[in-house]
Protein backbone atom coordinates (compact mmCIF):
# COMPACT_ATOMS: atom_id res chain seq x y z
CA UNK A 1 1.52 2.74 21.63
CA UNK A 2 -0.04 -0.36 23.15
CA UNK A 3 2.01 -3.52 23.00
CA UNK A 4 0.52 -6.59 21.38
CA UNK A 5 0.19 -9.48 23.81
CA UNK A 6 0.66 -12.94 22.26
CA UNK A 7 -1.97 -15.46 23.36
CA UNK A 8 0.03 -18.58 24.21
CA UNK A 9 2.71 -18.35 26.84
CA UNK A 10 4.24 -15.15 25.50
CA UNK A 11 5.05 -16.72 22.13
CA UNK A 12 3.89 -15.11 18.93
CA UNK A 13 1.97 -17.78 17.05
CA UNK A 14 1.27 -17.84 13.30
CA UNK A 15 -2.47 -17.70 13.97
CA UNK A 16 -1.90 -14.56 16.07
CA UNK A 17 -0.16 -12.83 13.15
CA UNK A 18 -3.02 -13.69 10.77
CA UNK A 19 -5.44 -11.84 13.03
CA UNK A 20 -3.22 -8.78 13.47
CA UNK A 21 -3.39 -5.58 11.46
CA UNK A 22 -0.17 -4.00 10.16
CA UNK A 23 0.21 -1.77 13.23
CA UNK A 24 -0.10 -4.75 15.57
CA UNK A 25 2.38 -6.76 13.50
CA UNK A 26 4.86 -3.89 13.66
CA UNK A 27 4.37 -3.64 17.43
CA UNK A 28 4.97 -7.39 17.81
CA UNK A 29 8.25 -7.17 15.86
CA UNK A 30 9.30 -4.13 17.89
CA UNK A 31 8.41 -5.93 21.13
CA UNK A 32 10.61 -8.89 20.16
CA UNK A 33 13.46 -6.51 19.24
CA UNK A 34 13.09 -4.74 22.58
CA UNK A 35 13.23 -8.06 24.43
CA UNK A 36 16.46 -8.89 22.57
CA UNK A 37 17.90 -5.41 23.18
CA UNK A 38 18.19 -4.27 19.55
CA UNK A 39 15.19 -1.93 19.19
CA UNK A 40 17.44 1.15 19.04
CA UNK A 41 20.17 -0.42 16.92
CA UNK A 42 20.79 1.58 13.72
CA UNK A 43 20.55 -1.46 11.45
CA UNK A 44 17.32 -2.64 13.05
CA UNK A 45 15.69 0.81 12.94
CA UNK A 46 16.52 1.51 9.29
CA UNK A 47 15.50 -1.98 8.18
CA UNK A 48 12.31 -1.84 10.22
CA UNK A 49 11.34 1.50 8.66
CA UNK A 50 11.93 0.04 5.20
CA UNK A 51 9.69 -2.91 6.12
CA UNK A 52 6.93 -0.52 7.25
CA UNK A 53 7.07 1.32 3.93
CA UNK A 54 6.89 -1.96 2.02
CA UNK A 55 3.87 -3.05 4.06
CA UNK A 56 2.09 0.24 3.32
CA UNK A 57 2.78 -0.20 -0.40
CA UNK A 58 1.43 -3.77 -0.27
CA UNK A 59 -1.70 -2.56 1.50
CA UNK A 60 -2.33 0.09 -1.17
CA UNK A 61 -1.72 -2.40 -3.98
CA UNK A 62 -4.15 -4.85 -2.36
CA UNK A 63 -6.81 -2.13 -2.31
CA UNK A 64 -6.15 -1.39 -5.99
CA UNK A 65 -6.35 -5.04 -6.99
CA UNK A 66 -9.56 -5.51 -5.01
CA UNK A 67 -11.11 -2.41 -6.60
CA UNK A 68 -9.96 -3.06 -10.18
CA UNK A 69 -9.94 -6.84 -10.32
CA UNK A 70 -7.31 -9.23 -11.61
CA UNK A 71 -7.63 -8.11 -15.23
CA UNK A 72 -7.80 -4.75 -16.99
CA UNK A 73 -8.82 -3.80 -20.51
CA UNK A 74 -6.70 -1.52 -22.65
CA UNK A 75 -8.33 0.03 -25.69
CA UNK A 76 -6.38 0.46 -28.87
CA UNK A 77 -7.15 1.73 -32.37
CA UNK A 78 -10.75 1.39 -33.53
CA UNK A 79 -11.95 0.99 -29.94
CA UNK A 80 -10.97 -2.63 -29.62
CA UNK A 81 -10.04 -3.67 -26.11
CA UNK A 82 -7.46 -6.21 -25.15
CA UNK A 83 -7.58 -7.98 -21.80
CA UNK A 84 -4.43 -7.92 -19.63
CA UNK A 85 -3.42 -8.94 -16.15
CA UNK A 86 -3.71 -6.00 -13.76
CA UNK A 87 -0.19 -4.47 -13.54
CA UNK A 88 -0.73 -3.96 -9.80
CA UNK A 89 -0.44 -7.74 -9.38
CA UNK A 90 3.12 -7.76 -10.74
CA UNK A 91 4.07 -4.82 -8.55
CA UNK A 92 2.47 -6.53 -5.56
CA UNK A 93 4.52 -9.69 -6.18
CA UNK A 94 7.77 -7.71 -6.52
CA UNK A 95 7.08 -5.73 -3.35
CA UNK A 96 6.09 -8.89 -1.44
CA UNK A 97 9.37 -10.54 -2.45
CA UNK A 98 11.31 -7.48 -1.27
CA UNK A 99 9.34 -7.40 2.00
CA UNK A 100 10.10 -11.09 2.58
CA UNK A 101 13.80 -10.33 2.20
CA UNK A 102 13.49 -7.41 4.59
CA UNK A 103 11.79 -9.63 7.17
CA UNK A 104 14.62 -12.15 6.88
CA UNK A 105 17.08 -9.34 7.53
CA UNK A 106 15.06 -8.16 10.54
CA UNK A 107 15.01 -11.69 11.96
CA UNK A 108 18.78 -11.96 11.51
CA UNK A 109 19.34 -8.61 13.21
CA UNK A 110 17.08 -9.53 16.13
CA UNK A 111 18.51 -13.02 16.58
CA UNK A 112 22.20 -12.41 15.89
CA UNK A 113 22.69 -8.92 17.27
CA UNK A 114 20.41 -9.69 20.18
CA UNK A 115 22.57 -12.59 21.30
CA UNK A 116 25.57 -12.27 23.55
CA UNK A 117 27.79 -13.58 20.76
CA UNK A 118 27.83 -10.32 18.87
CA UNK A 119 28.59 -6.81 20.03
CA UNK A 120 26.02 -4.35 18.68
CA UNK A 121 28.50 -1.55 19.09
CA UNK A 122 27.99 2.00 20.23
CA UNK A 123 27.06 5.04 18.25
CA UNK A 124 24.55 3.12 16.15
CA UNK A 125 21.52 3.54 18.39
CA UNK A 126 18.40 5.41 17.31
CA UNK A 127 14.91 5.92 18.69
CA UNK A 128 12.13 4.23 16.71
CA UNK A 129 8.67 5.73 16.51
CA UNK A 130 6.02 3.63 14.76
CA UNK A 131 4.30 6.81 13.57
CA UNK A 132 7.33 8.04 11.58
CA UNK A 133 6.37 6.18 8.42
């Protein structure tokens, strides 16, 4: 695994994230967690894996929406078609909302458990492999 190197003074900028693929984004989050000392924390690892799954689902839904378009036609009796919003859009929105919540949780884990104010505890450390998901 190659670590993503932020462009400006070691800080991860919003424009950097826009240009990163999902693997690079995951590496950047993991790098920040490592810097804060929480990359093997049980809560971080399980939440991070959940975030990776959500990002894969979003990627697949994006492909489906791009391939099928924003609307779909369902045919009913007598061959008449009715136009509907692509159901993948609703699923995408639900998954994006869940992923946003997961990111908030990851940020809290990194910031709060990575500070000296909070003891991360023992017995809750795991090894994280980006290829597991």
